[in-house]
Amino acid sequence: MSQENIKFKIVCAKLVGSNVVNFRLEDGALLKIHVDIARVGVAIDRKGPDGSPLYTINISPRIEIEPKDKTFMAPPPPIPIQTISQPVNGKNPDKAYTS
């Protein structure tokens, strides 16, 4: 049994209030859940069984966890490496630094 596609019209969504929900975890960490709407559509030629509109919604969630001590691990930034160029025409050029 194949299902037929439903045609939807894209509608704009306006944020009311905050798009972030915060939870304090038992270990003291703060969990932040951000939700953004990517796209909302309302069915053009179809209604729900009770006559209500049918919507399709695409969301974009993002989760952040802030530890109680507010520390985190990250790789170190690149450290510049000193290189010396070969002599040019019998003269020794200045030292060059690259990263």
PDB file of N, CA and C in Angstrom:
ATOM      1  N   MET A   1       0.845  -1.182   0.000  1.00  0.00           N
ATOM      2  CA  MET A   1       0.000   0.000   0.000  1.00  0.00           C
ATOM      3  C   MET A   1       0.890   1.245   0.000  1.00  0.00           C
ATOM      4  N   SER A   2       0.803   2.051  -1.038  1.00  0.00           N
ATOM      5  CA  SER A   2       1.617   3.265  -1.109  1.00  0.00           C
ATOM      6  C   SER A   2       0.838   4.448  -0.541  1.00  0.00           C
ATOM      7  N   GLN A   3       1.569   5.335   0.147  1.00  0.00           N
ATOM      8  CA  GLN A   3       0.935   6.520   0.693  1.00  0.00           C
ATOM      9  C   GLN A   3       1.117   7.674  -0.281  1.00  0.00           C
ATOM     10  N   GLU A   4       0.070   8.452  -0.443  1.00  0.00           N
ATOM     11  CA  GLU A   4       0.181   9.612  -1.311  1.00  0.00           C
ATOM     12  C   GLU A   4       0.796  10.773  -0.536  1.00  0.00           C
ATOM     13  N   ASN A   5       1.468  11.657  -1.260  1.00  0.00           N
ATOM     14  CA  ASN A   5       2.073  12.825  -0.641  1.00  0.00           C
ATOM     15  C   ASN A   5       1.020  13.889  -0.381  1.00  0.00           C
ATOM     16  N   ILE A   6       1.253  14.679   0.640  1.00  0.00           N
ATOM     17  CA  ILE A   6       0.371  15.790   0.989  1.00  0.00           C
ATOM     18  C   ILE A   6       1.112  17.074   0.640  1.00  0.00           C
ATOM     19  N   LYS A   7       0.426  18.020   0.030  1.00  0.00           N
ATOM     20  CA  LYS A   7       1.036  19.291  -0.331  1.00  0.00           C
ATOM     21  C   LYS A   7       0.934  20.246   0.855  1.00  0.00           C
ATOM     22  N   PHE A   8       2.075  20.854   1.213  1.00  0.00           N
ATOM     23  CA  PHE A   8       2.129  21.794   2.333  1.00  0.00           C
ATOM     24  C   PHE A   8       2.558  23.169   1.844  1.00  0.00           C
ATOM     25  N   LYS A   9       2.073  24.200   2.523  1.00  0.00           N
ATOM     26  CA  LYS A   9       2.492  25.572   2.256  1.00  0.00           C
ATOM     27  C   LYS A   9       3.390  25.997   3.407  1.00  0.00           C
ATOM     28  N   ILE A  10       4.562  26.561   3.084  1.00  0.00           N
ATOM     29  CA  ILE A  10       5.484  27.023   4.116  1.00  0.00           C
ATOM     30  C   ILE A  10       4.886  28.254   4.799  1.00  0.00           C
ATOM     31  N   VAL A  11       4.905  28.236   6.131  1.00  0.00           N
ATOM     32  CA  VAL A  11       4.425  29.377   6.914  1.00  0.00           C
ATOM     33  C   VAL A  11       5.558  29.865   7.804  1.00  0.00           C
ATOM     34  N   CYS A  12       5.547  31.149   8.121  1.00  0.00           N
ATOM     35  CA  CYS A  12       6.567  31.745   8.985  1.00  0.00           C
ATOM     36  C   CYS A  12       6.238  31.445  10.438  1.00  0.00           C
ATOM     37  N   ALA A  13       7.290  31.316  11.245  1.00  0.00           N
ATOM     38  CA  ALA A  13       7.128  31.088  12.680  1.00  0.00           C
ATOM     39  C   ALA A  13       7.853  32.195  13.422  1.00  0.00           C
ATOM     40  N   LYS A  14       7.219  32.750  14.437  1.00  0.00           N
ATOM     41  CA  LYS A  14       7.808  33.816  15.235  1.00  0.00           C
ATOM     42  C   LYS A  14       8.046  33.279  16.639  1.00  0.00           C
ATOM     43  N   LEU A  15       9.245  33.478  17.160  1.00  0.00           N
ATOM     44  CA  LEU A  15       9.589  33.014  18.500  1.00  0.00           C
ATOM     45  C   LEU A  15       8.823  33.820  19.543  1.00  0.00           C
ATOM     46  N   VAL A  16       8.184  33.119  20.458  1.00  0.00           N
ATOM     47  CA  VAL A  16       7.477  33.751  21.573  1.00  0.00           C
ATOM     48  C   VAL A  16       8.131  33.230  22.840  1.00  0.00           C
ATOM     49  N   GLY A  17       8.782  34.090  23.584  1.00  0.00           N
ATOM     50  CA  GLY A  17       9.513  33.637  24.767  1.00  0.00           C
ATOM     51  C   GLY A  17      10.911  33.211  24.380  1.00  0.00           C
ATOM     52  N   SER A  18      11.456  32.262  25.121  1.00  0.00           N
ATOM     53  CA  SER A  18      12.825  31.809  24.907  1.00  0.00           C
ATOM     54  C   SER A  18      12.854  30.483  24.156  1.00  0.00           C
ATOM     55  N   ASN A  19      13.907  30.271  23.358  1.00  0.00           N
ATOM     56  CA  ASN A  19      14.064  28.993  22.666  1.00  0.00           C
ATOM     57  C   ASN A  19      15.009  28.070  23.429  1.00  0.00           C
ATOM     58  N   VAL A  20      15.316  28.417  24.689  1.00  0.00           N
ATOM     59  CA  VAL A  20      16.228  27.632  25.518  1.00  0.00           C
ATOM     60  C   VAL A  20      15.498  27.136  26.755  1.00  0.00           C
ATOM     61  N   VAL A  21      15.679  25.843  27.036  1.00  0.00           N
ATOM     62  CA  VAL A  21      15.148  25.246  28.268  1.00  0.00           C
ATOM     63  C   VAL A  21      16.353  24.799  29.076  1.00  0.00           C
ATOM     64  N   ASN A  22      16.420  25.212  30.348  1.00  0.00           N
ATOM     65  CA  ASN A  22      17.539  24.879  31.216  1.00  0.00           C
ATOM     66  C   ASN A  22      17.120  23.867  32.275  1.00  0.00           C
ATOM     67  N   PHE A  23      18.019  22.914  32.531  1.00  0.00           N
ATOM     68  CA  PHE A  23      17.806  21.923  33.580  1.00  0.00           C
ATOM     69  C   PHE A  23      19.054  21.870  34.442  1.00  0.00           C
ATOM     70  N   ARG A  24      18.911  21.868  35.759  1.00  0.00           N
ATOM     71  CA  ARG A  24      20.032  21.679  36.664  1.00  0.00           C
ATOM     72  C   ARG A  24      20.107  20.198  36.974  1.00  0.00           C
ATOM     73  N   LEU A  25      21.225  19.566  36.668  1.00  0.00           N
ATOM     74  CA  LEU A  25      21.392  18.137  36.894  1.00  0.00           C
ATOM     75  C   LEU A  25      21.846  17.864  38.330  1.00  0.00           C
ATOM     76  N   GLU A  26      21.665  16.638  38.758  1.00  0.00           N
ATOM     77  CA  GLU A  26      21.977  16.229  40.132  1.00  0.00           C
ATOM     78  C   GLU A  26      23.430  16.520  40.504  1.00  0.00           C
ATOM     79  N   ASP A  27      24.343  16.423  39.540  1.00  0.00           N
ATOM     80  CA  ASP A  27      25.755  16.658  39.836  1.00  0.00           C
ATOM     81  C   ASP A  27      26.135  18.136  39.779  1.00  0.00           C
ATOM     82  N   GLY A  28      25.153  19.019  39.598  1.00  0.00           N
ATOM     83  CA  GLY A  28      25.394  20.452  39.579  1.00  0.00           C
ATOM     84  C   GLY A  28      25.598  21.033  38.194  1.00  0.00           C
ATOM     85  N   ALA A  29      25.710  20.195  37.174  1.00  0.00           N
ATOM     86  CA  ALA A  29      25.889  20.684  35.806  1.00  0.00           C
ATOM     87  C   ALA A  29      24.596  21.335  35.314  1.00  0.00           C
ATOM     88  N   LEU A  30      24.738  22.251  34.371  1.00  0.00           N
ATOM     89  CA  LEU A  30      23.592  22.923  33.775  1.00  0.00           C
ATOM     90  C   LEU A  30      23.418  22.409  32.357  1.00  0.00           C
ATOM     91  N   LEU A  31      22.257  21.846  32.056  1.00  0.00           N
ATOM     92  CA  LEU A  31      21.929  21.332  30.725  1.00  0.00           C
ATOM     93  C   LEU A  31      21.057  22.369  30.033  1.00  0.00           C
ATOM     94  N   LYS A  32      21.514  22.828  28.865  1.00  0.00           N
ATOM     95  CA  LYS A  32      20.756  23.814  28.086  1.00  0.00           C
ATOM     96  C   LYS A  32      20.348  23.177  26.778  1.00  0.00           C
ATOM     97  N   ILE A  33      19.061  23.212  26.474  1.00  0.00           N
ATOM     98  CA  ILE A  33      18.552  22.681  25.214  1.00  0.00           C
ATOM     99  C   ILE A  33      17.991  23.853  24.407  1.00  0.00           C
ATOM    100  N   HIS A  34      18.620  24.103  23.256  1.00  0.00           N
ATOM    101  CA  HIS A  34      18.196  25.172  22.349  1.00  0.00           C
ATOM    102  C   HIS A  34      17.389  24.519  21.222  1.00  0.00           C
ATOM    103  N   VAL A  35      16.249  25.076  20.895  1.00  0.00           N
ATOM    104  CA  VAL A  35      15.430  24.549  19.805  1.00  0.00           C
ATOM    105  C   VAL A  35      15.126  25.684  18.828  1.00  0.00           C
ATOM    106  N   ASP A  36      15.503  25.472  17.575  1.00  0.00           N
ATOM    107  CA  ASP A  36      15.181  26.426  16.517  1.00  0.00           C
ATOM    108  C   ASP A  36      14.331  25.711  15.472  1.00  0.00           C
ATOM    109  N   ILE A  37      13.405  26.440  14.879  1.00  0.00           N
ATOM    110  CA  ILE A  37      12.552  25.866  13.844  1.00  0.00           C
ATOM    111  C   ILE A  37      13.187  26.131  12.487  1.00  0.00           C
ATOM    112  N   ALA A  38      13.419  25.058  11.742  1.00  0.00           N
ATOM    113  CA  ALA A  38      13.996  25.177  10.407  1.00  0.00           C
ATOM    114  C   ALA A  38      12.915  25.486   9.377  1.00  0.00           C
ATOM    115  N   ARG A  39      11.757  24.789   9.487  1.00  0.00           N
ATOM    116  CA  ARG A  39      10.676  24.999   8.523  1.00  0.00           C
ATOM    117  C   ARG A  39       9.365  24.503   9.115  1.00  0.00           C
ATOM    118  N   VAL A  40       8.295  25.236   8.829  1.00  0.00           N
ATOM    119  CA  VAL A  40       6.941  24.837   9.229  1.00  0.00           C
ATOM    120  C   VAL A  40       6.057  24.907   7.999  1.00  0.00           C
ATOM    121  N   GLY A  41       5.225  23.894   7.834  1.00  0.00           N
ATOM    122  CA  GLY A  41       4.283  23.888   6.725  1.00  0.00           C
ATOM    123  C   GLY A  41       2.907  23.470   7.205  1.00  0.00           C
ATOM    124  N   VAL A  42       1.874  23.999   6.569  1.00  0.00           N
ATOM    125  CA  VAL A  42       0.494  23.628   6.865  1.00  0.00           C
ATOM    126  C   VAL A  42      -0.078  22.984   5.602  1.00  0.00           C
ATOM    127  N   ALA A  43      -0.814  21.890   5.786  1.00  0.00           N
ATOM    128  CA  ALA A  43      -1.384  21.165   4.651  1.00  0.00           C
ATOM    129  C   ALA A  43      -2.382  22.050   3.905  1.00  0.00           C
ATOM    130  N   ILE A  44      -2.279  22.021   2.588  1.00  0.00           N
ATOM    131  CA  ILE A  44      -3.154  22.854   1.757  1.00  0.00           C
ATOM    132  C   ILE A  44      -4.501  22.181   1.514  1.00  0.00           C
ATOM    133  N   ASP A  45      -4.488  20.893   1.182  1.00  0.00           N
ATOM    134  CA  ASP A  45      -5.721  20.218   0.769  1.00  0.00           C
ATOM    135  C   ASP A  45      -6.124  19.080   1.713  1.00  0.00           C
ATOM    136  N   ARG A  46      -5.703  19.155   2.938  1.00  0.00           N
ATOM    137  CA  ARG A  46      -6.009  18.071   3.878  1.00  0.00           C
ATOM    138  C   ARG A  46      -6.229  18.660   5.255  1.00  0.00           C
ATOM    139  N   LYS A  47      -7.108  18.071   6.031  1.00  0.00           N
ATOM    140  CA  LYS A  47      -7.396  18.461   7.421  1.00  0.00           C
ATOM    141  C   LYS A  47      -7.342  17.219   8.289  1.00  0.00           C
ATOM    142  N   GLY A  48      -7.184  17.414   9.588  1.00  0.00           N
ATOM    143  CA  GLY A  48      -7.242  16.305  10.531  1.00  0.00           C
ATOM    144  C   GLY A  48      -8.663  15.777  10.630  1.00  0.00           C
ATOM    145  N   PRO A  49      -8.860  14.594  11.272  1.00  0.00           N
ATOM    146  CA  PRO A  49     -10.204  14.014  11.393  1.00  0.00           C
ATOM    147  C   PRO A  49     -11.214  14.947  12.061  1.00  0.00           C
ATOM    148  N   ASP A  50     -10.707  15.825  12.951  1.00  0.00           N
ATOM    149  CA  ASP A  50     -11.613  16.758  13.634  1.00  0.00           C
ATOM    150  C   ASP A  50     -11.698  18.114  12.943  1.00  0.00           C
ATOM    151  N   GLY A  51     -11.105  18.231  11.748  1.00  0.00           N
ATOM    152  CA  GLY A  51     -11.159  19.478  10.990  1.00  0.00           C
ATOM    153  C   GLY A  51     -10.005  20.425  11.288  1.00  0.00           C
ATOM    154  N   SER A  52      -9.092  20.026  12.170  1.00  0.00           N
ATOM    155  CA  SER A  52      -7.967  20.887  12.522  1.00  0.00           C
ATOM    156  C   SER A  52      -6.897  20.824  11.425  1.00  0.00           C
ATOM    157  N   PRO A  53      -6.090  21.882  11.300  1.00  0.00           N
ATOM    158  CA  PRO A  53      -5.047  21.890  10.272  1.00  0.00           C
ATOM    159  C   PRO A  53      -3.955  20.862  10.573  1.00  0.00           C
ATOM    160  N   LEU A  54      -3.319  20.366   9.526  1.00  0.00           N
ATOM    161  CA  LEU A  54      -2.190  19.451   9.669  1.00  0.00           C
ATOM    162  C   LEU A  54      -0.903  20.238   9.423  1.00  0.00           C
ATOM    163  N   TYR A  55       0.053  20.077  10.312  1.00  0.00           N
ATOM    164  CA  TYR A  55       1.335  20.781  10.202  1.00  0.00           C
ATOM    165  C   TYR A  55       2.469  19.778  10.063  1.00  0.00           C
ATOM    166  N   THR A  56       3.514  20.195   9.380  1.00  0.00           N
ATOM    167  CA  THR A  56       4.786  19.481   9.383  1.00  0.00           C
ATOM    168  C   THR A  56       5.824  20.468   9.887  1.00  0.00           C
ATOM    169  N   ILE A  57       6.668  20.016  10.820  1.00  0.00           N
ATOM    170  CA  ILE A  57       7.621  20.909  11.475  1.00  0.00           C
ATOM    171  C   ILE A  57       9.003  20.264  11.461  1.00  0.00           C
ATOM    172  N   ASN A  58      10.001  21.015  11.014  1.00  0.00           N
ATOM    173  CA  ASN A  58      11.392  20.579  11.072  1.00  0.00           C
ATOM    174  C   ASN A  58      12.101  21.446  12.107  1.00  0.00           C
ATOM    175  N   ILE A  59      12.703  20.793  13.113  1.00  0.00           N
ATOM    176  CA  ILE A  59      13.398  21.542  14.159  1.00  0.00           C
ATOM    177  C   ILE A  59      14.896  21.277  14.094  1.00  0.00           C
ATOM    178  N   SER A  60      15.643  22.165  14.723  1.00  0.00           N
ATOM    179  CA  SER A  60      17.096  22.050  14.806  1.00  0.00           C
ATOM    180  C   SER A  60      17.489  22.186  16.274  1.00  0.00           C
ATOM    181  N   PRO A  61      17.620  21.038  16.987  1.00  0.00           N
ATOM    182  CA  PRO A  61      17.991  21.126  18.409  1.00  0.00           C
ATOM    183  C   PRO A  61      19.499  21.224  18.603  1.00  0.00           C
ATOM    184  N   ARG A  62      19.913  21.876  19.681  1.00  0.00           N
ATOM    185  CA  ARG A  62      21.326  21.964  20.059  1.00  0.00           C
ATOM    186  C   ARG A  62      21.398  21.812  21.572  1.00  0.00           C
ATOM    187  N   ILE A  63      22.310  20.979  22.037  1.00  0.00           N
ATOM    188  CA  ILE A  63      22.427  20.701  23.468  1.00  0.00           C
ATOM    189  C   ILE A  63      23.781  21.167  23.971  1.00  0.00           C
ATOM    190  N   GLU A  64      23.780  21.894  25.086  1.00  0.00           N
ATOM    191  CA  GLU A  64      25.003  22.338  25.756  1.00  0.00           C
ATOM    192  C   GLU A  64      24.980  21.817  27.181  1.00  0.00           C
ATOM    193  N   ILE A  65      26.132  21.381  27.669  1.00  0.00           N
ATOM    194  CA  ILE A  65      26.249  20.998  29.069  1.00  0.00           C
ATOM    195  C   ILE A  65      27.362  21.834  29.678  1.00  0.00           C
ATOM    196  N   GLU A  66      27.019  22.598  30.711  1.00  0.00           N
ATOM    197  CA  GLU A  66      27.984  23.434  31.411  1.00  0.00           C
ATOM    198  C   GLU A  66      28.304  22.754  32.735  1.00  0.00           C
ATOM    199  N   PRO A  67      29.530  22.220  32.903  1.00  0.00           N
ATOM    200  CA  PRO A  67      29.875  21.528  34.141  1.00  0.00           C
ATOM    201  C   PRO A  67      29.802  22.462  35.351  1.00  0.00           C
ATOM    202  N   LYS A  68      29.620  21.877  36.514  1.00  0.00           N
ATOM    203  CA  LYS A  68      29.497  22.647  37.748  1.00  0.00           C
ATOM    204  C   LYS A  68      30.723  23.531  37.962  1.00  0.00           C
ATOM    205  N   ASP A  69      31.929  23.000  37.700  1.00  0.00           N
ATOM    206  CA  ASP A  69      33.148  23.781  37.917  1.00  0.00           C
ATOM    207  C   ASP A  69      33.519  24.659  36.717  1.00  0.00           C
ATOM    208  N   LYS A  70      32.698  24.644  35.681  1.00  0.00           N
ATOM    209  CA  LYS A  70      32.850  25.472  34.484  1.00  0.00           C
ATOM    210  C   LYS A  70      34.204  25.288  33.801  1.00  0.00           C
ATOM    211  N   THR A  71      34.714  24.062  33.782  1.00  0.00           N
ATOM    212  CA  THR A  71      35.969  23.774  33.085  1.00  0.00           C
ATOM    213  C   THR A  71      35.679  22.864  31.900  1.00  0.00           C
ATOM    214  N   PHE A  72      36.598  22.858  30.916  1.00  0.00           N
ATOM    215  CA  PHE A  72      36.468  21.953  29.769  1.00  0.00           C
ATOM    216  C   PHE A  72      37.848  21.659  29.208  1.00  0.00           C
ATOM    217  N   MET A  73      37.934  20.628  28.409  1.00  0.00           N
ATOM    218  CA  MET A  73      39.178  20.220  27.770  1.00  0.00           C
ATOM    219  C   MET A  73      39.114  20.586  26.284  1.00  0.00           C
ATOM    220  N   ALA A  74      40.248  21.041  25.735  1.00  0.00           N
ATOM    221  CA  ALA A  74      40.340  21.366  24.319  1.00  0.00           C
ATOM    222  C   ALA A  74      41.785  21.173  23.889  1.00  0.00           C
ATOM    223  N   PRO A  75      42.008  20.904  22.606  1.00  0.00           N
ATOM    224  CA  PRO A  75      43.394  20.766  22.152  1.00  0.00           C
ATOM    225  C   PRO A  75      44.108  22.112  22.254  1.00  0.00           C
ATOM    226  N   PRO A  76      45.432  22.096  22.447  1.00  0.00           N
ATOM    227  CA  PRO A  76      46.171  23.360  22.554  1.00  0.00           C
ATOM    228  C   PRO A  76      46.197  24.089  21.218  1.00  0.00           C
ATOM    229  N   PRO A  77      46.316  25.421  21.255  1.00  0.00           N
ATOM    230  CA  PRO A  77      46.418  26.167  20.005  1.00  0.00           C
ATOM    231  C   PRO A  77      47.766  25.880  19.346  1.00  0.00           C
ATOM    232  N   PRO A  78      47.861  26.079  18.027  1.00  0.00           N
ATOM    233  CA  PRO A  78      49.134  25.824  17.355  1.00  0.00           C
ATOM    234  C   PRO A  78      50.218  26.776  17.857  1.00  0.00           C
ATOM    235  N   ILE A  79      51.427  26.247  18.019  1.00  0.00           N
ATOM    236  CA  ILE A  79      52.563  27.039  18.483  1.00  0.00           C
ATOM    237  C   ILE A  79      53.434  27.347  17.271  1.00  0.00           C
ATOM    238  N   PRO A  80      53.813  28.627  17.082  1.00  0.00           N
ATOM    239  CA  PRO A  80      54.663  28.969  15.941  1.00  0.00           C
ATOM    240  C   PRO A  80      55.989  28.198  16.008  1.00  0.00           C
ATOM    241  N   ILE A  81      56.454  27.725  14.856  1.00  0.00           N
ATOM    242  CA  ILE A  81      57.699  26.974  14.771  1.00  0.00           C
ATOM    243  C   ILE A  81      58.744  27.836  14.075  1.00  0.00           C
ATOM    244  N   GLN A  82      59.945  27.932  14.673  1.00  0.00           N
ATOM    245  CA  GLN A  82      61.009  28.740  14.092  1.00  0.00           C
ATOM    246  C   GLN A  82      61.731  27.920  13.023  1.00  0.00           C
ATOM    247  N   THR A  83      61.854  28.507  11.833  1.00  0.00           N
ATOM    248  CA  THR A  83      62.603  27.859  10.764  1.00  0.00           C
ATOM    249  C   THR A  83      63.642  28.840  10.240  1.00  0.00           C
ATOM    250  N   ILE A  84      64.772  28.310   9.767  1.00  0.00           N
ATOM    251  CA  ILE A  84      65.831  29.151   9.216  1.00  0.00           C
ATOM    252  C   ILE A  84      65.954  28.812   7.737  1.00  0.00           C
ATOM    253  N   SER A  85      65.875  29.823   6.879  1.00  0.00           N
ATOM    254  CA  SER A  85      65.979  29.624   5.436  1.00  0.00           C
ATOM    255  C   SER A  85      67.432  29.380   5.044  1.00  0.00           C
ATOM    256  N   GLN A  86      67.632  28.751   3.906  1.00  0.00           N
ATOM    257  CA  GLN A  86      68.969  28.507   3.369  1.00  0.00           C
ATOM    258  C   GLN A  86      69.545  29.821   2.838  1.00  0.00           C
ATOM    259  N   PRO A  87      70.872  29.958   2.840  1.00  0.00           N
ATOM    260  CA  PRO A  87      71.492  31.185   2.313  1.00  0.00           C
ATOM    261  C   PRO A  87      71.105  31.417   0.853  1.00  0.00           C
ATOM    262  N   VAL A  88      70.903  32.692   0.504  1.00  0.00           N
ATOM    263  CA  VAL A  88      70.560  33.065  -0.865  1.00  0.00           C
ATOM    264  C   VAL A  88      71.702  33.932  -1.393  1.00  0.00           C
ATOM    265  N   ASN A  89      72.293  33.521  -2.497  1.00  0.00           N
ATOM    266  CA  ASN A  89      73.409  34.257  -3.112  1.00  0.00           C
ATOM    267  C   ASN A  89      74.527  34.524  -2.109  1.00  0.00           C
ATOM    268  N   GLY A  90      74.826  33.542  -1.279  1.00  0.00           N
ATOM    269  CA  GLY A  90      75.926  33.661  -0.336  1.00  0.00           C
ATOM    270  C   GLY A  90      75.596  34.475   0.894  1.00  0.00           C
ATOM    271  N   LYS A  91      74.380  35.002   1.009  1.00  0.00           N
ATOM    272  CA  LYS A  91      73.991  35.797   2.180  1.00  0.00           C
ATOM    273  C   LYS A  91      72.973  35.009   2.987  1.00  0.00           C
ATOM    274  N   ASN A  92      73.025  35.134   4.289  1.00  0.00           N
ATOM    275  CA  ASN A  92      72.102  34.436   5.171  1.00  0.00           C
ATOM    276  C   ASN A  92      70.905  35.353   5.453  1.00  0.00           C
ATOM    277  N   PRO A  93      69.705  35.009   4.956  1.00  0.00           N
ATOM    278  CA  PRO A  93      68.524  35.870   5.187  1.00  0.00           C
ATOM    279  C   PRO A  93      68.116  35.828   6.659  1.00  0.00           C
ATOM    280  N   ASP A  94      67.284  36.800   7.031  1.00  0.00           N
ATOM    281  CA  ASP A  94      66.763  36.844   8.394  1.00  0.00           C
ATOM    282  C   ASP A  94      65.962  35.570   8.682  1.00  0.00           C
ATOM    283  N   LYS A  95      65.854  35.286   9.975  1.00  0.00           N
ATOM    284  CA  LYS A  95      65.078  34.122  10.385  1.00  0.00           C
ATOM    285  C   LYS A  95      63.603  34.365  10.066  1.00  0.00           C
ATOM    286  N   ALA A  96      62.924  33.315   9.635  1.00  0.00           N
ATOM    287  CA  ALA A  96      61.502  33.423   9.315  1.00  0.00           C
ATOM    288  C   ALA A  96      60.709  32.563  10.287  1.00  0.00           C
ATOM    289  N   TYR A  97      59.559  33.004  10.646  1.00  0.00           N
ATOM    290  CA  TYR A  97      58.675  32.244  11.550  1.00  0.00           C
ATOM    291  C   TYR A  97      57.426  31.852  10.787  1.00  0.00           C
ATOM    292  N   THR A  98      57.044  30.606  10.947  1.00  0.00           N
ATOM    293  CA  THR A  98      55.806  30.130  10.321  1.00  0.00           C
ATOM    294  C   THR A  98      54.962  29.461  11.379  1.00  0.00           C
ATOM    295  N   SER A  99      53.678  29.398  11.108  1.00  0.00           N
ATOM    296  CA  SER A  99      52.786  28.693  12.043  1.00  0.00           C
ATOM    297  C   SER A  99      52.131  27.547  11.364  1.00  0.00           C
TER     298      SER A  99
END
